[in-house]
Amino acid sequence: MSTHPVHDNTAAHRFELRVDGAVAALATYRMRGADVVVLHTETDPRLRGRGLAGELAEQTLRQLRARGQRIVPACPFFARYLAEHPEHADLVAH
């Protein structure tokens, strides 16, 4: 899997994965105290099938871990990603 930069666009409340300078995948969120509630994930339809959403999820989770934050996976994609990657189970807020 290639690595594209993921940026936390706090003004827009979304994590953004960029390809060639444009947002290729994003995950919108809201804060619940210190926890990050991921609401929705989407990938540019022209770029689907390249693993970008998974790359976005992985980098987002790494950023949250580095900040000492936890996630509430309200988004079905993030919930499935977390179920398939138990190494991140400790990040899930209960």
PDB file of N, CA and C in Angstrom:
ATOM      1  N   MET A   1       0.853  -1.178   0.000  1.00  0.00           N
ATOM      2  CA  MET A   1       0.000   0.000   0.000  1.00  0.00           C
ATOM      3  C   MET A   1       0.895   1.236   0.000  1.00  0.00           C
ATOM      4  N   SER A   2       0.676   2.117  -0.942  1.00  0.00           N
ATOM      5  CA  SER A   2       1.440   3.362  -0.962  1.00  0.00           C
ATOM      6  C   SER A   2       0.890   4.298   0.100  1.00  0.00           C
ATOM      7  N   THR A   3       1.711   5.244   0.493  1.00  0.00           N
ATOM      8  CA  THR A   3       1.282   6.170   1.535  1.00  0.00           C
ATOM      9  C   THR A   3       1.060   7.551   0.947  1.00  0.00           C
ATOM     10  N   HIS A   4      -0.123   8.064   1.187  1.00  0.00           N
ATOM     11  CA  HIS A   4      -0.479   9.425   0.810  1.00  0.00           C
ATOM     12  C   HIS A   4      -0.697  10.188   2.105  1.00  0.00           C
ATOM     13  N   PRO A   5      -0.403  11.470   2.117  1.00  0.00           N
ATOM     14  CA  PRO A   5      -0.560  12.229   3.358  1.00  0.00           C
ATOM     15  C   PRO A   5      -2.022  12.351   3.790  1.00  0.00           C
ATOM     16  N   VAL A   6      -2.244  12.182   5.086  1.00  0.00           N
ATOM     17  CA  VAL A   6      -3.568  12.398   5.675  1.00  0.00           C
ATOM     18  C   VAL A   6      -3.454  13.604   6.589  1.00  0.00           C
ATOM     19  N   HIS A   7      -4.352  14.541   6.378  1.00  0.00           N
ATOM     20  CA  HIS A   7      -4.347  15.797   7.125  1.00  0.00           C
ATOM     21  C   HIS A   7      -5.641  15.903   7.916  1.00  0.00           C
ATOM     22  N   ASP A   8      -5.540  16.316   9.164  1.00  0.00           N
ATOM     23  CA  ASP A   8      -6.720  16.588   9.973  1.00  0.00           C
ATOM     24  C   ASP A   8      -7.130  18.034   9.717  1.00  0.00           C
ATOM     25  N   ASN A   9      -8.141  18.206   8.898  1.00  0.00           N
ATOM     26  CA  ASN A   9      -8.670  19.529   8.591  1.00  0.00           C
ATOM     27  C   ASN A   9      -9.661  19.882   9.699  1.00  0.00           C
ATOM     28  N   THR A  10      -9.149  20.443  10.775  1.00  0.00           N
ATOM     29  CA  THR A  10      -9.986  20.705  11.948  1.00  0.00           C
ATOM     30  C   THR A  10     -11.093  21.718  11.664  1.00  0.00           C
ATOM     31  N   ALA A  11     -10.852  22.652  10.760  1.00  0.00           N
ATOM     32  CA  ALA A  11     -11.880  23.644  10.432  1.00  0.00           C
ATOM     33  C   ALA A  11     -13.089  22.981   9.777  1.00  0.00           C
ATOM     34  N   ALA A  12     -12.856  21.950   8.964  1.00  0.00           N
ATOM     35  CA  ALA A  12     -13.940  21.246   8.279  1.00  0.00           C
ATOM     36  C   ALA A  12     -14.375  19.982   9.030  1.00  0.00           C
ATOM     37  N   HIS A  13     -13.695  19.662  10.128  1.00  0.00           N
ATOM     38  CA  HIS A  13     -13.990  18.457  10.918  1.00  0.00           C
ATOM     39  C   HIS A  13     -13.913  17.202  10.067  1.00  0.00           C
ATOM     40  N   ARG A  14     -12.775  17.048   9.391  1.00  0.00           N
ATOM     41  CA  ARG A  14     -12.592  15.843   8.601  1.00  0.00           C
ATOM     42  C   ARG A  14     -11.110  15.541   8.399  1.00  0.00           C
ATOM     43  N   PHE A  15     -10.816  14.254   8.324  1.00  0.00           N
ATOM     44  CA  PHE A  15      -9.497  13.789   7.944  1.00  0.00           C
ATOM     45  C   PHE A  15      -9.507  13.643   6.431  1.00  0.00           C
ATOM     46  N   GLU A  16      -8.448  14.124   5.785  1.00  0.00           N
ATOM     47  CA  GLU A  16      -8.392  14.121   4.320  1.00  0.00           C
ATOM     48  C   GLU A  16      -7.141  13.414   3.838  1.00  0.00           C
ATOM     49  N   LEU A  17      -7.324  12.478   2.923  1.00  0.00           N
ATOM     50  CA  LEU A  17      -6.213  11.819   2.246  1.00  0.00           C
ATOM     51  C   LEU A  17      -6.120  12.446   0.867  1.00  0.00           C
ATOM     52  N   ARG A  18      -4.937  12.930   0.537  1.00  0.00           N
ATOM     53  CA  ARG A  18      -4.755  13.623  -0.739  1.00  0.00           C
ATOM     54  C   ARG A  18      -3.931  12.786  -1.710  1.00  0.00           C
ATOM     55  N   VAL A  19      -4.338  12.834  -2.957  1.00  0.00           N
ATOM     56  CA  VAL A  19      -3.605  12.217  -4.062  1.00  0.00           C
ATOM     57  C   VAL A  19      -3.415  13.308  -5.103  1.00  0.00           C
ATOM     58  N   ASP A  20      -2.182  13.558  -5.460  1.00  0.00           N
ATOM     59  CA  ASP A  20      -1.857  14.608  -6.442  1.00  0.00           C
ATOM     60  C   ASP A  20      -2.463  15.953  -6.039  1.00  0.00           C
ATOM     61  N   GLY A  21      -2.455  16.237  -4.744  1.00  0.00           N
ATOM     62  CA  GLY A  21      -2.903  17.533  -4.236  1.00  0.00           C
ATOM     63  C   GLY A  21      -4.397  17.680  -4.023  1.00  0.00           C
ATOM     64  N   ALA A  22      -5.174  16.705  -4.450  1.00  0.00           N
ATOM     65  CA  ALA A  22      -6.629  16.794  -4.310  1.00  0.00           C
ATOM     66  C   ALA A  22      -7.119  15.787  -3.269  1.00  0.00           C
ATOM     67  N   VAL A  23      -8.211  16.110  -2.591  1.00  0.00           N
ATOM     68  CA  VAL A  23      -8.788  15.192  -1.607  1.00  0.00           C
ATOM     69  C   VAL A  23      -9.355  13.982  -2.344  1.00  0.00           C
ATOM     70  N   ALA A  24      -8.804  12.815  -2.040  1.00  0.00           N
ATOM     71  CA  ALA A  24      -9.235  11.577  -2.679  1.00  0.00           C
ATOM     72  C   ALA A  24     -10.155  10.756  -1.779  1.00  0.00           C
ATOM     73  N   ALA A  25      -9.960  10.890  -0.467  1.00  0.00           N
ATOM     74  CA  ALA A  25     -10.810  10.194   0.501  1.00  0.00           C
ATOM     75  C   ALA A  25     -10.886  11.068   1.742  1.00  0.00           C
ATOM     76  N   LEU A  26     -12.013  10.980   2.442  1.00  0.00           N
ATOM     77  CA  LEU A  26     -12.168  11.789   3.642  1.00  0.00           C
ATOM     78  C   LEU A  26     -13.042  11.066   4.650  1.00  0.00           C
ATOM     79  N   ALA A  27     -12.860  11.438   5.898  1.00  0.00           N
ATOM     80  CA  ALA A  27     -13.666  10.915   6.995  1.00  0.00           C
ATOM     81  C   ALA A  27     -14.102  12.103   7.839  1.00  0.00           C
ATOM     82  N   THR A  28     -15.401  12.357   7.863  1.00  0.00           N
ATOM     83  CA  THR A  28     -15.915  13.467   8.671  1.00  0.00           C
ATOM     84  C   THR A  28     -16.082  13.002  10.112  1.00  0.00           C
ATOM     85  N   TYR A  29     -15.965  13.954  11.035  1.00  0.00           N
ATOM     86  CA  TYR A  29     -16.074  13.612  12.447  1.00  0.00           C
ATOM     87  C   TYR A  29     -16.635  14.773  13.245  1.00  0.00           C
ATOM     88  N   ARG A  30     -17.012  14.456  14.470  1.00  0.00           N
ATOM     89  CA  ARG A  30     -17.355  15.463  15.472  1.00  0.00           C
ATOM     90  C   ARG A  30     -16.681  15.025  16.753  1.00  0.00           C
ATOM     91  N   MET A  31     -16.481  15.948  17.631  1.00  0.00           N
ATOM     92  CA  MET A  31     -15.838  15.642  18.910  1.00  0.00           C
ATOM     93  C   MET A  31     -16.912  15.329  19.949  1.00  0.00           C
ATOM     94  N   ARG A  32     -16.623  14.375  20.807  1.00  0.00           N
ATOM     95  CA  ARG A  32     -17.456  14.055  21.973  1.00  0.00           C
ATOM     96  C   ARG A  32     -16.499  14.040  23.154  1.00  0.00           C
ATOM     97  N   GLY A  33     -16.354  15.190  23.767  1.00  0.00           N
ATOM     98  CA  GLY A  33     -15.310  15.340  24.776  1.00  0.00           C
ATOM     99  C   GLY A  33     -13.963  15.228  24.078  1.00  0.00           C
ATOM    100  N   ALA A  34     -13.124  14.328  24.540  1.00  0.00           N
ATOM    101  CA  ALA A  34     -11.819  14.099  23.904  1.00  0.00           C
ATOM    102  C   ALA A  34     -11.888  13.030  22.817  1.00  0.00           C
ATOM    103  N   ASP A  35     -13.036  12.339  22.704  1.00  0.00           N
ATOM    104  CA  ASP A  35     -13.182  11.268  21.719  1.00  0.00           C
ATOM    105  C   ASP A  35     -13.579  11.823  20.349  1.00  0.00           C
ATOM    106  N   VAL A  36     -13.122  11.153  19.311  1.00  0.00           N
ATOM    107  CA  VAL A  36     -13.428  11.526  17.936  1.00  0.00           C
ATOM    108  C   VAL A  36     -14.502  10.569  17.413  1.00  0.00           C
ATOM    109  N   VAL A  37     -15.664  11.106  17.079  1.00  0.00           N
ATOM    110  CA  VAL A  37     -16.757  10.307  16.534  1.00  0.00           C
ATOM    111  C   VAL A  37     -16.681  10.410  15.010  1.00  0.00           C
ATOM    112  N   VAL A  38     -16.265   9.327  14.368  1.00  0.00           N
ATOM    113  CA  VAL A  38     -16.188   9.320  12.900  1.00  0.00           C
ATOM    114  C   VAL A  38     -17.575   9.018  12.362  1.00  0.00           C
ATOM    115  N   LEU A  39     -18.094   9.951  11.565  1.00  0.00           N
ATOM    116  CA  LEU A  39     -19.478   9.904  11.105  1.00  0.00           C
ATOM    117  C   LEU A  39     -19.639   9.303   9.711  1.00  0.00           C
ATOM    118  N   HIS A  40     -18.706   9.577   8.833  1.00  0.00           N
ATOM    119  CA  HIS A  40     -18.886   9.213   7.424  1.00  0.00           C
ATOM    120  C   HIS A  40     -17.527   9.157   6.733  1.00  0.00           C
ATOM    121  N   THR A  41     -17.364   8.182   5.867  1.00  0.00           N
ATOM    122  CA  THR A  41     -16.147   8.062   5.053  1.00  0.00           C
ATOM    123  C   THR A  41     -16.573   7.992   3.596  1.00  0.00           C
ATOM    124  N   GLU A  42     -15.826   8.688   2.755  1.00  0.00           N
ATOM    125  CA  GLU A  42     -16.099   8.586   1.319  1.00  0.00           C
ATOM    126  C   GLU A  42     -14.805   8.693   0.531  1.00  0.00           C
ATOM    127  N   THR A  43     -14.843   8.088  -0.643  1.00  0.00           N
ATOM    128  CA  THR A  43     -13.711   8.113  -1.569  1.00  0.00           C
ATOM    129  C   THR A  43     -14.208   8.666  -2.893  1.00  0.00           C
ATOM    130  N   ASP A  44     -13.380   9.463  -3.532  1.00  0.00           N
ATOM    131  CA  ASP A  44     -13.707   9.975  -4.868  1.00  0.00           C
ATOM    132  C   ASP A  44     -14.036   8.768  -5.752  1.00  0.00           C
ATOM    133  N   PRO A  45     -15.224   8.754  -6.376  1.00  0.00           N
ATOM    134  CA  PRO A  45     -15.626   7.594  -7.184  1.00  0.00           C
ATOM    135  C   PRO A  45     -14.606   7.202  -8.258  1.00  0.00           C
ATOM    136  N   ARG A  46     -13.878   8.167  -8.775  1.00  0.00           N
ATOM    137  CA  ARG A  46     -12.894   7.872  -9.822  1.00  0.00           C
ATOM    138  C   ARG A  46     -11.682   7.127  -9.285  1.00  0.00           C
ATOM    139  N   LEU A  47     -11.510   7.142  -7.950  1.00  0.00           N
ATOM    140  CA  LEU A  47     -10.324   6.543  -7.334  1.00  0.00           C
ATOM    141  C   LEU A  47     -10.637   5.326  -6.472  1.00  0.00           C
ATOM    142  N   ARG A  48     -11.866   4.861  -6.515  1.00  0.00           N
ATOM    143  CA  ARG A  48     -12.247   3.700  -5.714  1.00  0.00           C
ATOM    144  C   ARG A  48     -11.514   2.448  -6.189  1.00  0.00           C
ATOM    145  N   GLY A  49     -11.362   1.507  -5.269  1.00  0.00           N
ATOM    146  CA  GLY A  49     -10.706   0.244  -5.610  1.00  0.00           C
ATOM    147  C   GLY A  49      -9.194   0.281  -5.472  1.00  0.00           C
ATOM    148  N   ARG A  50      -8.647   1.365  -4.951  1.00  0.00           N
ATOM    149  CA  ARG A  50      -7.194   1.505  -4.809  1.00  0.00           C
ATOM    150  C   ARG A  50      -6.736   1.388  -3.351  1.00  0.00           C
ATOM    151  N   GLY A  51      -7.678   1.106  -2.448  1.00  0.00           N
ATOM    152  CA  GLY A  51      -7.328   0.958  -1.042  1.00  0.00           C
ATOM    153  C   GLY A  51      -7.155   2.267  -0.298  1.00  0.00           C
ATOM    154  N   LEU A  52      -7.627   3.358  -0.879  1.00  0.00           N
ATOM    155  CA  LEU A  52      -7.433   4.663  -0.263  1.00  0.00           C
ATOM    156  C   LEU A  52      -8.218   4.832   1.036  1.00  0.00           C
ATOM    157  N   ALA A  53      -9.422   4.285   1.106  1.00  0.00           N
ATOM    158  CA  ALA A  53     -10.205   4.407   2.339  1.00  0.00           C
ATOM    159  C   ALA A  53      -9.518   3.653   3.478  1.00  0.00           C
ATOM    160  N   GLY A  54      -8.967   2.491   3.177  1.00  0.00           N
ATOM    161  CA  GLY A  54      -8.224   1.749   4.194  1.00  0.00           C
ATOM    162  C   GLY A  54      -6.976   2.487   4.640  1.00  0.00           C
ATOM    163  N   GLU A  55      -6.309   3.099   3.692  1.00  0.00           N
ATOM    164  CA  GLU A  55      -5.125   3.904   4.018  1.00  0.00           C
ATOM    165  C   GLU A  55      -5.514   5.103   4.885  1.00  0.00           C
ATOM    166  N   LEU A  56      -6.634   5.738   4.541  1.00  0.00           N
ATOM    167  CA  LEU A  56      -7.155   6.846   5.345  1.00  0.00           C
ATOM    168  C   LEU A  56      -7.452   6.375   6.768  1.00  0.00           C
ATOM    169  N   ALA A  57      -8.132   5.245   6.901  1.00  0.00           N
ATOM    170  CA  ALA A  57      -8.472   4.723   8.226  1.00  0.00           C
ATOM    171  C   ALA A  57      -7.218   4.437   9.040  1.00  0.00           C
ATOM    172  N   GLU A  58      -6.259   3.767   8.442  1.00  0.00           N
ATOM    173  CA  GLU A  58      -5.036   3.404   9.163  1.00  0.00           C
ATOM    174  C   GLU A  58      -4.285   4.648   9.642  1.00  0.00           C
ATOM    175  N   GLN A  59      -4.110   5.598   8.766  1.00  0.00           N
ATOM    176  CA  GLN A  59      -3.388   6.813   9.159  1.00  0.00           C
ATOM    177  C   GLN A  59      -4.166   7.640  10.176  1.00  0.00           C
ATOM    178  N   THR A  60      -5.481   7.671  10.044  1.00  0.00           N
ATOM    179  CA  THR A  60      -6.309   8.382  11.021  1.00  0.00           C
ATOM    180  C   THR A  60      -6.141   7.750  12.396  1.00  0.00           C
ATOM    181  N   LEU A  61      -6.206   6.428  12.457  1.00  0.00           N
ATOM    182  CA  LEU A  61      -6.061   5.740  13.739  1.00  0.00           C
ATOM    183  C   LEU A  61      -4.672   5.956  14.335  1.00  0.00           C
ATOM    184  N   ARG A  62      -3.664   5.975  13.506  1.00  0.00           N
ATOM    185  CA  ARG A  62      -2.312   6.243  14.007  1.00  0.00           C
ATOM    186  C   ARG A  62      -2.201   7.654  14.578  1.00  0.00           C
ATOM    187  N   GLN A  63      -2.837   8.616  13.911  1.00  0.00           N
ATOM    188  CA  GLN A  63      -2.815   9.990  14.424  1.00  0.00           C
ATOM    189  C   GLN A  63      -3.541  10.080  15.765  1.00  0.00           C
ATOM    190  N   LEU A  64      -4.687   9.411  15.868  1.00  0.00           N
ATOM    191  CA  LEU A  64      -5.429   9.438  17.120  1.00  0.00           C
ATOM    192  C   LEU A  64      -4.619   8.789  18.239  1.00  0.00           C
ATOM    193  N   ARG A  65      -3.954   7.687  17.939  1.00  0.00           N
ATOM    194  CA  ARG A  65      -3.111   7.018  18.936  1.00  0.00           C
ATOM    195  C   ARG A  65      -1.999   7.955  19.403  1.00  0.00           C
ATOM    196  N   ALA A  66      -1.357   8.627  18.473  1.00  0.00           N
ATOM    197  CA  ALA A  66      -0.254   9.534  18.812  1.00  0.00           C
ATOM    198  C   ALA A  66      -0.732  10.690  19.694  1.00  0.00           C
ATOM    199  N   ARG A  67      -1.982  11.098  19.529  1.00  0.00           N
ATOM    200  CA  ARG A  67      -2.546  12.198  20.316  1.00  0.00           C
ATOM    201  C   ARG A  67      -3.151  11.744  21.637  1.00  0.00           C
ATOM    202  N   GLY A  68      -3.248  10.433  21.821  1.00  0.00           N
ATOM    203  CA  GLY A  68      -3.872   9.910  23.025  1.00  0.00           C
ATOM    204  C   GLY A  68      -5.387   9.998  22.996  1.00  0.00           C
ATOM    205  N   GLN A  69      -5.958  10.031  21.794  1.00  0.00           N
ATOM    206  CA  GLN A  69      -7.413  10.118  21.654  1.00  0.00           C
ATOM    207  C   GLN A  69      -7.987   8.747  21.329  1.00  0.00           C
ATOM    208  N   ARG A  70      -9.300   8.642  21.523  1.00  0.00           N
ATOM    209  CA  ARG A  70     -10.007   7.416  21.179  1.00  0.00           C
ATOM    210  C   ARG A  70     -11.067   7.721  20.126  1.00  0.00           C
ATOM    211  N   ILE A  71     -11.579   6.655  19.512  1.00  0.00           N
ATOM    212  CA  ILE A  71     -12.521   6.796  18.411  1.00  0.00           C
ATOM    213  C   ILE A  71     -13.853   6.153  18.761  1.00  0.00           C
ATOM    214  N   VAL A  72     -14.908   6.769  18.262  1.00  0.00           N
ATOM    215  CA  VAL A  72     -16.249   6.190  18.276  1.00  0.00           C
ATOM    216  C   VAL A  72     -16.589   5.962  16.806  1.00  0.00           C
ATOM    217  N   PRO A  73     -16.587   4.721  16.341  1.00  0.00           N
ATOM    218  CA  PRO A  73     -16.797   4.448  14.917  1.00  0.00           C
ATOM    219  C   PRO A  73     -18.282   4.419  14.532  1.00  0.00           C
ATOM    220  N   ALA A  74     -18.898   5.593  14.400  1.00  0.00           N
ATOM    221  CA  ALA A  74     -20.292   5.674  13.978  1.00  0.00           C
ATOM    222  C   ALA A  74     -20.443   5.364  12.490  1.00  0.00           C
ATOM    223  N   CYS A  75     -19.379   5.480  11.759  1.00  0.00           N
ATOM    224  CA  CYS A  75     -19.354   5.192  10.323  1.00  0.00           C
ATOM    225  C   CYS A  75     -19.203   3.684  10.114  1.00  0.00           C
ATOM    226  N   PRO A  76     -20.051   3.071   9.294  1.00  0.00           N
ATOM    227  CA  PRO A  76     -19.942   1.626   9.054  1.00  0.00           C
ATOM    228  C   PRO A  76     -18.572   1.195   8.525  1.00  0.00           C
ATOM    229  N   PHE A  77     -17.954   2.012   7.682  1.00  0.00           N
ATOM    230  CA  PHE A  77     -16.643   1.640   7.151  1.00  0.00           C
ATOM    231  C   PHE A  77     -15.611   1.555   8.264  1.00  0.00           C
ATOM    232  N   PHE A  78     -15.566   2.579   9.127  1.00  0.00           N
ATOM    233  CA  PHE A  78     -14.595   2.564  10.222  1.00  0.00           C
ATOM    234  C   PHE A  78     -14.899   1.432  11.202  1.00  0.00           C
ATOM    235  N   ALA A  79     -16.168   1.159  11.457  1.00  0.00           N
ATOM    236  CA  ALA A  79     -16.525   0.058  12.352  1.00  0.00           C
ATOM    237  C   ALA A  79     -16.013  -1.263  11.786  1.00  0.00           C
ATOM    238  N   ARG A  80     -16.197  -1.487  10.491  1.00  0.00           N
ATOM    239  CA  ARG A  80     -15.718  -2.710   9.842  1.00  0.00           C
ATOM    240  C   ARG A  80     -14.194  -2.758   9.846  1.00  0.00           C
ATOM    241  N   TYR A  81     -13.552  -1.627   9.560  1.00  0.00           N
ATOM    242  CA  TYR A  81     -12.089  -1.583   9.548  1.00  0.00           C
ATOM    243  C   TYR A  81     -11.538  -1.959  10.924  1.00  0.00           C
ATOM    244  N   LEU A  82     -12.131  -1.409  11.960  1.00  0.00           N
ATOM    245  CA  LEU A  82     -11.683  -1.725  13.315  1.00  0.00           C
ATOM    246  C   LEU A  82     -11.925  -3.188  13.663  1.00  0.00           C
ATOM    247  N   ALA A  83     -13.029  -3.755  13.218  1.00  0.00           N
ATOM    248  CA  ALA A  83     -13.305  -5.173  13.469  1.00  0.00           C
ATOM    249  C   ALA A  83     -12.282  -6.062  12.771  1.00  0.00           C
ATOM    250  N   GLU A  84     -11.819  -5.626  11.605  1.00  0.00           N
ATOM    251  CA  GLU A  84     -10.842  -6.400  10.831  1.00  0.00           C
ATOM    252  C   GLU A  84      -9.399  -6.148  11.257  1.00  0.00           C
ATOM    253  N   HIS A  85      -9.178  -5.142  12.103  1.00  0.00           N
ATOM    254  CA  HIS A  85      -7.833  -4.786  12.556  1.00  0.00           C
ATOM    255  C   HIS A  85      -7.829  -4.679  14.086  1.00  0.00           C
ATOM    256  N   PRO A  86      -7.840  -5.826  14.763  1.00  0.00           N
ATOM    257  CA  PRO A  86      -7.936  -5.830  16.225  1.00  0.00           C
ATOM    258  C   PRO A  86      -6.760  -5.157  16.930  1.00  0.00           C
ATOM    259  N   GLU A  87      -5.685  -4.902  16.220  1.00  0.00           N
ATOM    260  CA  GLU A  87      -4.548  -4.194  16.831  1.00  0.00           C
ATOM    261  C   GLU A  87      -4.921  -2.771  17.248  1.00  0.00           C
ATOM    262  N   HIS A  88      -6.054  -2.285  16.757  1.00  0.00           N
ATOM    263  CA  HIS A  88      -6.513  -0.937  17.121  1.00  0.00           C
ATOM    264  C   HIS A  88      -7.675  -0.952  18.111  1.00  0.00           C
ATOM    265  N   ALA A  89      -8.019  -2.118  18.628  1.00  0.00           N
ATOM    266  CA  ALA A  89      -9.195  -2.242  19.516  1.00  0.00           C
ATOM    267  C   ALA A  89      -9.099  -1.339  20.733  1.00  0.00           C
ATOM    268  N   ASP A  90      -7.889  -1.091  21.207  1.00  0.00           N
ATOM    269  CA  ASP A  90      -7.718  -0.246  22.398  1.00  0.00           C
ATOM    270  C   ASP A  90      -8.080   1.213  22.154  1.00  0.00           C
ATOM    271  N   LEU A  91      -8.229   1.608  20.893  1.00  0.00           N
ATOM    272  CA  LEU A  91      -8.578   2.988  20.566  1.00  0.00           C
ATOM    273  C   LEU A  91     -10.081   3.240  20.596  1.00  0.00           C
ATOM    274  N   VAL A  92     -10.870   2.187  20.644  1.00  0.00           N
ATOM    275  CA  VAL A  92     -12.323   2.340  20.573  1.00  0.00           C
ATOM    276  C   VAL A  92     -12.860   2.772  21.940  1.00  0.00           C
ATOM    277  N   ALA A  93     -13.559   3.902  21.939  1.00  0.00           N
ATOM    278  CA  ALA A  93     -14.191   4.418  23.154  1.00  0.00           C
ATOM    279  C   ALA A  93     -15.471   3.628  23.416  1.00  0.00           C
ATOM    280  N   HIS A  94     -15.746   3.392  24.664  1.00  0.00           N
ATOM    281  CA  HIS A  94     -16.962   2.623  25.020  1.00  0.00           C
ATOM    282  C   HIS A  94     -17.921   3.500  25.779  1.00  0.00           C
TER     283      HIS A  94
END
